[in-house]
N, C-alpha and C. Protein backbone atom coordinates (compact mmCIF):
# COMPACT_ATOMS: atom_id res chain seq x y z
N UNK A 1 0.95 -1.22 0.10
CA UNK A 1 0.02 0.15 -0.24
C UNK A 1 1.02 1.10 0.05
N UNK A 2 0.60 2.14 -1.04
CA UNK A 2 1.36 3.61 -0.80
C UNK A 2 0.85 4.16 0.26
N UNK A 3 2.02 4.99 0.57
CA UNK A 3 1.71 6.09 1.88
C UNK A 3 1.01 7.33 1.43
N UNK A 4 0.61 7.91 1.98
CA UNK A 4 0.19 9.61 1.50
C UNK A 4 1.20 10.29 0.70
N UNK A 5 2.63 10.08 1.40
CA UNK A 5 3.83 11.15 1.18
C UNK A 5 4.07 10.22 -0.42
N UNK A 6 3.90 8.91 -0.62
CA UNK A 6 4.71 8.56 -2.12
C UNK A 6 3.56 8.52 -2.69
N UNK A 7 2.26 8.76 -2.77
CA UNK A 7 1.23 9.15 -3.84
C UNK A 7 1.24 10.38 -4.21
N UNK A 8 1.59 11.54 -3.14
CA UNK A 8 1.64 12.87 -3.65
C UNK A 8 3.33 13.13 -4.64
N UNK A 9 4.12 12.35 -3.70
CA UNK A 9 5.50 12.07 -4.74
C UNK A 9 5.40 11.73 -5.96
N UNK A 10 4.59 10.64 -6.11
CA UNK A 10 4.48 10.26 -7.45
C UNK A 10 3.67 10.92 -8.23
N UNK A 11 2.77 11.79 -7.92
CA UNK A 11 1.81 12.61 -8.68
C UNK A 11 2.66 13.75 -9.28
N UNK A 12 3.56 14.00 -8.45
CA UNK A 12 4.40 15.49 -8.62
C UNK A 12 5.30 15.18 -9.94
N UNK A 13 5.23 13.83 -10.14
CA UNK A 13 6.30 13.22 -11.39
C UNK A 13 5.51 12.96 -12.55
N UNK A 14 4.09 13.29 -12.51
CA UNK A 14 3.25 12.94 -13.70
C UNK A 14 3.44 14.18 -14.58
N UNK A 15 3.79 13.99 -15.76
CA UNK A 15 3.92 15.57 -16.84
C UNK A 15 2.85 15.81 -17.21
N UNK A 16 2.67 17.51 -17.09
CA UNK A 16 1.43 18.11 -16.99
C UNK A 16 0.71 18.00 -15.96
N UNK A 17 1.12 17.24 -14.66
CA UNK A 17 0.34 17.39 -13.50
C UNK A 17 -1.00 16.23 -13.30
N UNK A 18 -1.62 16.23 -12.23
CA UNK A 18 -2.61 15.46 -12.03
C UNK A 18 -3.49 15.70 -10.85
N UNK A 19 -4.42 14.85 -10.54
CA UNK A 19 -5.31 15.65 -9.62
C UNK A 19 -5.68 13.91 -8.88
N UNK A 20 -6.29 14.53 -7.37
CA UNK A 20 -6.65 13.16 -6.53
C UNK A 20 -7.49 13.85 -5.57
N UNK A 21 -8.60 12.98 -5.24
CA UNK A 21 -9.40 13.42 -4.26
C UNK A 21 -8.81 13.37 -2.74
N UNK A 22 -9.35 14.03 -2.41
CA UNK A 22 -8.78 14.74 -1.06
C UNK A 22 -9.03 13.82 -0.17
N UNK A 23 -9.88 13.07 -0.12
CA UNK A 23 -10.33 11.93 0.47
C UNK A 23 -9.52 10.48 1.04
N UNK A 24 -8.50 10.71 -0.28
CA UNK A 24 -7.45 9.71 -0.12
C UNK A 24 -6.04 10.21 0.80
N UNK A 25 -6.15 11.27 1.58
CA UNK A 25 -4.81 12.19 2.06
C UNK A 25 -5.58 12.01 3.30
N UNK A 26 -6.62 12.01 3.79
CA UNK A 26 -7.53 11.91 5.17
C UNK A 26 -7.27 10.86 5.83
N UNK A 27 -6.60 11.37 7.41
CA UNK A 27 -6.82 9.86 8.03
C UNK A 27 -7.98 9.24 8.25
N UNK A 28 -8.05 7.84 8.69
CA UNK A 28 -9.19 7.11 8.82
C UNK A 28 -10.46 7.67 9.25
N UNK A 29 -10.03 7.94 10.30
CA UNK A 29 -11.42 8.54 11.01
C UNK A 29 -12.45 9.47 10.25
N UNK A 30 -11.20 10.68 9.69
CA UNK A 30 -12.34 11.77 8.77
C UNK A 30 -12.59 10.85 7.41
N UNK A 31 -11.87 10.10 7.00
CA UNK A 31 -12.04 9.72 5.60
C UNK A 31 -13.18 8.95 5.43
N UNK A 32 -13.70 8.17 6.92
CA UNK A 32 -15.17 7.37 6.83
C UNK A 32 -16.40 8.00 7.07
N UNK A 33 -16.21 9.19 7.59
CA UNK A 33 -17.08 10.28 7.78
C UNK A 33 -17.24 11.34 6.83
N UNK A 34 -16.12 11.41 5.85
CA UNK A 34 -16.82 12.40 4.80
C UNK A 34 -17.91 12.23 3.96
N UNK A 35 -18.64 13.12 3.53
CA UNK A 35 -19.86 13.03 2.51
C UNK A 35 -20.91 11.86 3.21
N UNK A 36 -20.89 12.01 4.93
CA UNK A 36 -21.92 11.48 5.73
C UNK A 36 -22.51 12.33 6.80
N UNK A 37 -24.10 12.16 7.00
CA UNK A 37 -24.68 12.97 7.87
C UNK A 37 -25.22 12.15 8.95
N UNK A 38 -25.16 12.34 10.15
CA UNK A 38 -25.83 11.90 11.32
C UNK A 38 -27.10 11.92 11.18
N UNK A 39 -27.67 10.87 11.49
CA UNK A 39 -29.07 11.11 11.31
C UNK A 39 -29.66 10.42 13.25
N UNK A 40 -29.75 11.53 13.99
CA UNK A 40 -30.14 11.21 15.54
C UNK A 40 -31.24 10.64 15.50
N UNK A 41 -31.96 10.52 14.66
CA UNK A 41 -33.43 10.00 14.67
C UNK A 41 -33.40 8.04 14.83
N UNK A 42 -32.39 8.09 14.40
CA UNK A 42 -32.13 6.40 14.34
C UNK A 42 -30.89 5.82 15.24
N UNK A 43 -29.99 6.97 15.58
CA UNK A 43 -29.27 6.67 16.78
C UNK A 43 -28.68 8.10 17.58
N UNK A 44 -29.53 8.15 18.78
CA UNK A 44 -29.61 9.39 19.43
C UNK A 44 -28.16 9.72 20.04
N UNK A 45 -27.35 8.68 20.12
CA UNK A 45 -25.80 8.83 20.51
C UNK A 45 -25.21 9.79 19.70
N UNK A 46 -25.57 9.82 18.34
CA UNK A 46 -24.76 10.76 17.29
C UNK A 46 -24.69 12.40 17.85
N UNK A 47 -25.86 12.40 18.59
CA UNK A 47 -25.92 14.31 19.14
C UNK A 47 -24.83 14.44 20.08
N UNK A 48 -24.00 13.43 20.44
CA UNK A 48 -23.29 13.67 21.21
C UNK A 48 -21.59 14.01 20.62
N UNK A 49 -21.81 13.44 19.16
CA UNK A 49 -20.48 13.58 18.36
C UNK A 49 -20.62 15.06 17.85
N UNK A 50 -19.93 15.95 18.31
CA UNK A 50 -20.18 17.52 18.15
C UNK A 50 -18.61 17.60 17.80
N UNK A 51 -18.13 18.96 17.47
CA UNK A 51 -17.15 19.40 16.80
C UNK A 51 -15.87 18.97 17.75
N UNK A 52 -16.04 18.93 19.05
CA UNK A 52 -14.96 18.59 19.98
C UNK A 52 -14.54 17.57 20.10
N UNK A 53 -15.71 16.39 19.76
CA UNK A 53 -15.42 15.07 19.86
C UNK A 53 -14.79 14.64 18.23
N UNK A 54 -14.98 15.30 17.45
CA UNK A 54 -14.43 15.13 15.79
C UNK A 54 -13.04 15.81 15.77
N UNK A 55 -13.10 16.84 16.73
CA UNK A 55 -11.45 16.98 16.63
C UNK A 55 -10.43 16.50 17.69
N UNK A 56 -10.98 15.87 18.65
CA UNK A 56 -9.99 14.90 19.43
C UNK A 56 -9.84 13.66 18.78
N UNK A 57 -10.62 13.43 18.00
CA UNK A 57 -10.61 12.13 17.46
C UNK A 57 -10.00 12.02 16.06
N UNK A 58 -9.94 12.95 15.26
CA UNK A 58 -9.55 12.93 13.93
C UNK A 58 -8.58 12.13 13.56
N UNK A 59 -7.65 12.27 14.12
CA UNK A 59 -6.34 11.48 13.83
C UNK A 59 -6.55 9.64 14.33
N UNK A 60 -7.21 9.45 15.01
CA UNK A 60 -7.14 8.22 15.62
C UNK A 60 -7.88 7.22 14.68
N UNK A 61 -7.81 5.91 14.84
CA UNK A 61 -8.28 4.84 13.92
C UNK A 61 -9.46 4.78 14.54
N UNK A 62 -9.68 4.55 15.67
CA UNK A 62 -11.02 4.09 16.21
C UNK A 62 -11.39 5.43 17.05
N UNK A 63 -12.48 5.93 17.34
CA UNK A 63 -12.95 7.08 18.17
C UNK A 63 -13.03 6.76 19.57
N UNK A 64 -12.65 7.76 20.35
CA UNK A 64 -12.40 7.47 21.56
C UNK A 64 -13.69 7.87 22.46
N UNK A 65 -14.37 7.16 22.97
CA UNK A 65 -15.55 7.66 24.05
C UNK A 65 -15.58 8.92 24.97
N UNK A 66 -14.41 8.71 25.24
CA UNK A 66 -14.23 9.94 26.67
C UNK A 66 -14.13 11.24 26.19
N UNK A 67 -14.40 11.66 24.55
CA UNK A 67 -14.05 12.59 24.40
C UNK A 67 -15.89 13.13 24.25
N UNK A 68 -16.72 12.40 24.56
CA UNK A 68 -18.08 12.52 24.64
C UNK A 68 -18.18 13.72 26.01
N UNK A 69 -17.45 13.38 26.93
CA UNK A 69 -17.39 14.44 27.98
C UNK A 69 -16.54 15.44 28.11
N UNK A 70 -17.35 16.63 28.33
CA UNK A 70 -16.62 18.10 28.25
C UNK A 70 -15.21 18.30 29.14
N UNK A 71 -15.77 17.35 30.58
CA UNK A 71 -14.63 17.60 31.56
C UNK A 71 -13.30 16.75 30.53
N UNK A 72 -13.45 15.67 30.18
CA UNK A 72 -12.41 14.59 29.57
C UNK A 72 -11.88 15.46 28.41
N UNK A 73 -12.46 16.09 27.48
CA UNK A 73 -11.87 16.69 26.52
C UNK A 73 -11.08 18.08 27.06
N UNK A 74 -11.60 18.59 27.91
CA UNK A 74 -10.81 19.81 28.75
C UNK A 74 -9.35 19.02 29.23
N UNK A 75 -9.54 18.09 30.18
CA UNK A 75 -8.16 17.54 30.69
C UNK A 75 -7.34 17.08 29.50
N UNK A 76 -7.86 16.69 28.47
CA UNK A 76 -6.92 16.25 27.49
C UNK A 76 -6.19 17.36 26.75
N UNK A 77 -6.76 18.25 26.73
CA UNK A 77 -6.22 19.69 26.01
C UNK A 77 -5.44 20.55 26.98
N UNK A 78 -5.28 20.09 28.39
CA UNK A 78 -4.60 21.06 29.21
C UNK A 78 -3.52 20.06 29.27
N UNK A 79 -3.29 18.71 29.30
CA UNK A 79 -2.46 17.89 29.41
C UNK A 79 -1.58 17.31 28.50
N UNK A 80 -2.18 17.27 27.20
CA UNK A 80 -1.71 16.48 26.11
C UNK A 80 -1.12 17.53 24.88
N UNK A 81 -2.19 18.79 24.99
CA UNK A 81 -1.54 20.04 23.93
C UNK A 81 -1.09 21.11 24.79
N UNK A 82 -0.42 21.99 23.66
CA UNK A 82 0.06 23.23 24.23
C UNK A 82 -0.55 24.44 23.50
N UNK A 83 -1.08 25.73 24.15
CA UNK A 83 -1.28 26.73 23.32
C UNK A 83 -0.18 27.23 22.34
N UNK A 84 -0.43 27.96 21.60
CA UNK A 84 0.55 28.41 20.87
C UNK A 84 0.04 29.99 20.13
N UNK A 85 0.76 30.80 19.65
CA UNK A 85 0.48 31.80 18.99
C UNK A 85 1.22 31.91 17.45
N UNK A 86 1.93 30.57 17.07
CA UNK A 86 2.21 30.25 15.85
C UNK A 86 1.05 30.19 14.81
N UNK A 87 1.33 30.26 13.56
CA UNK A 87 0.56 30.11 12.55
C UNK A 87 -0.11 28.81 12.59
N UNK A 88 -1.49 28.51 12.42
CA UNK A 88 -1.95 27.14 12.62
C UNK A 88 -1.13 26.09 10.95
N UNK A 89 -0.93 24.91 11.86
CA UNK A 89 -0.41 23.81 10.61
C UNK A 89 -1.12 22.72 10.94
N UNK A 90 -1.26 21.50 9.83
CA UNK A 90 -2.11 20.49 9.94
C UNK A 90 -1.68 19.64 11.07
N UNK A 91 -2.92 19.25 11.46
CA UNK A 91 -2.93 18.91 12.87
C UNK A 91 -3.25 19.42 14.04
N UNK A 92 -2.70 20.61 13.92
CA UNK A 92 -3.28 21.59 15.10
C UNK A 92 -4.76 21.76 15.80
N UNK A 93 -5.22 21.51 16.65
CA UNK A 93 -6.55 21.97 16.96
C UNK A 93 -7.13 23.29 17.40
N UNK A 94 -7.85 23.77 16.75
CA UNK A 94 -8.07 25.33 16.84
C UNK A 94 -9.29 25.50 17.37
N UNK A 95 -9.67 25.74 18.80
CA UNK A 95 -10.73 26.19 19.71
C UNK A 95 -10.81 27.94 19.69
C-alpha cells in the first residue's frame, strides 16, 4: 500500500500534473465520515458527536468515547496539548 507521501511524490512526477480526491489523503476517522450525515432519529448517541469530539478523534483509528465528556476533553487539552501563537499547521486543534 502506498503511503500518503508516496502518492503525492508520484503525482508530482506526472508530466502536466494530475489530481486526486482529498479523501485519499485524510486519516481513517475523517475519511470514513466524509460525505456522511448523522441521523439522530436512528441513533440518539450521534448527538454527542460534536465538533470537540470530532477534533479530538480526527487522527485516531477508532474514536475514543471519553471525548463525549466535556470534562475529559478539557483535561486532555490541558495535559496533552500546548497553546501557541504560531500560524496553524495541519494537525493543530483550533478552539
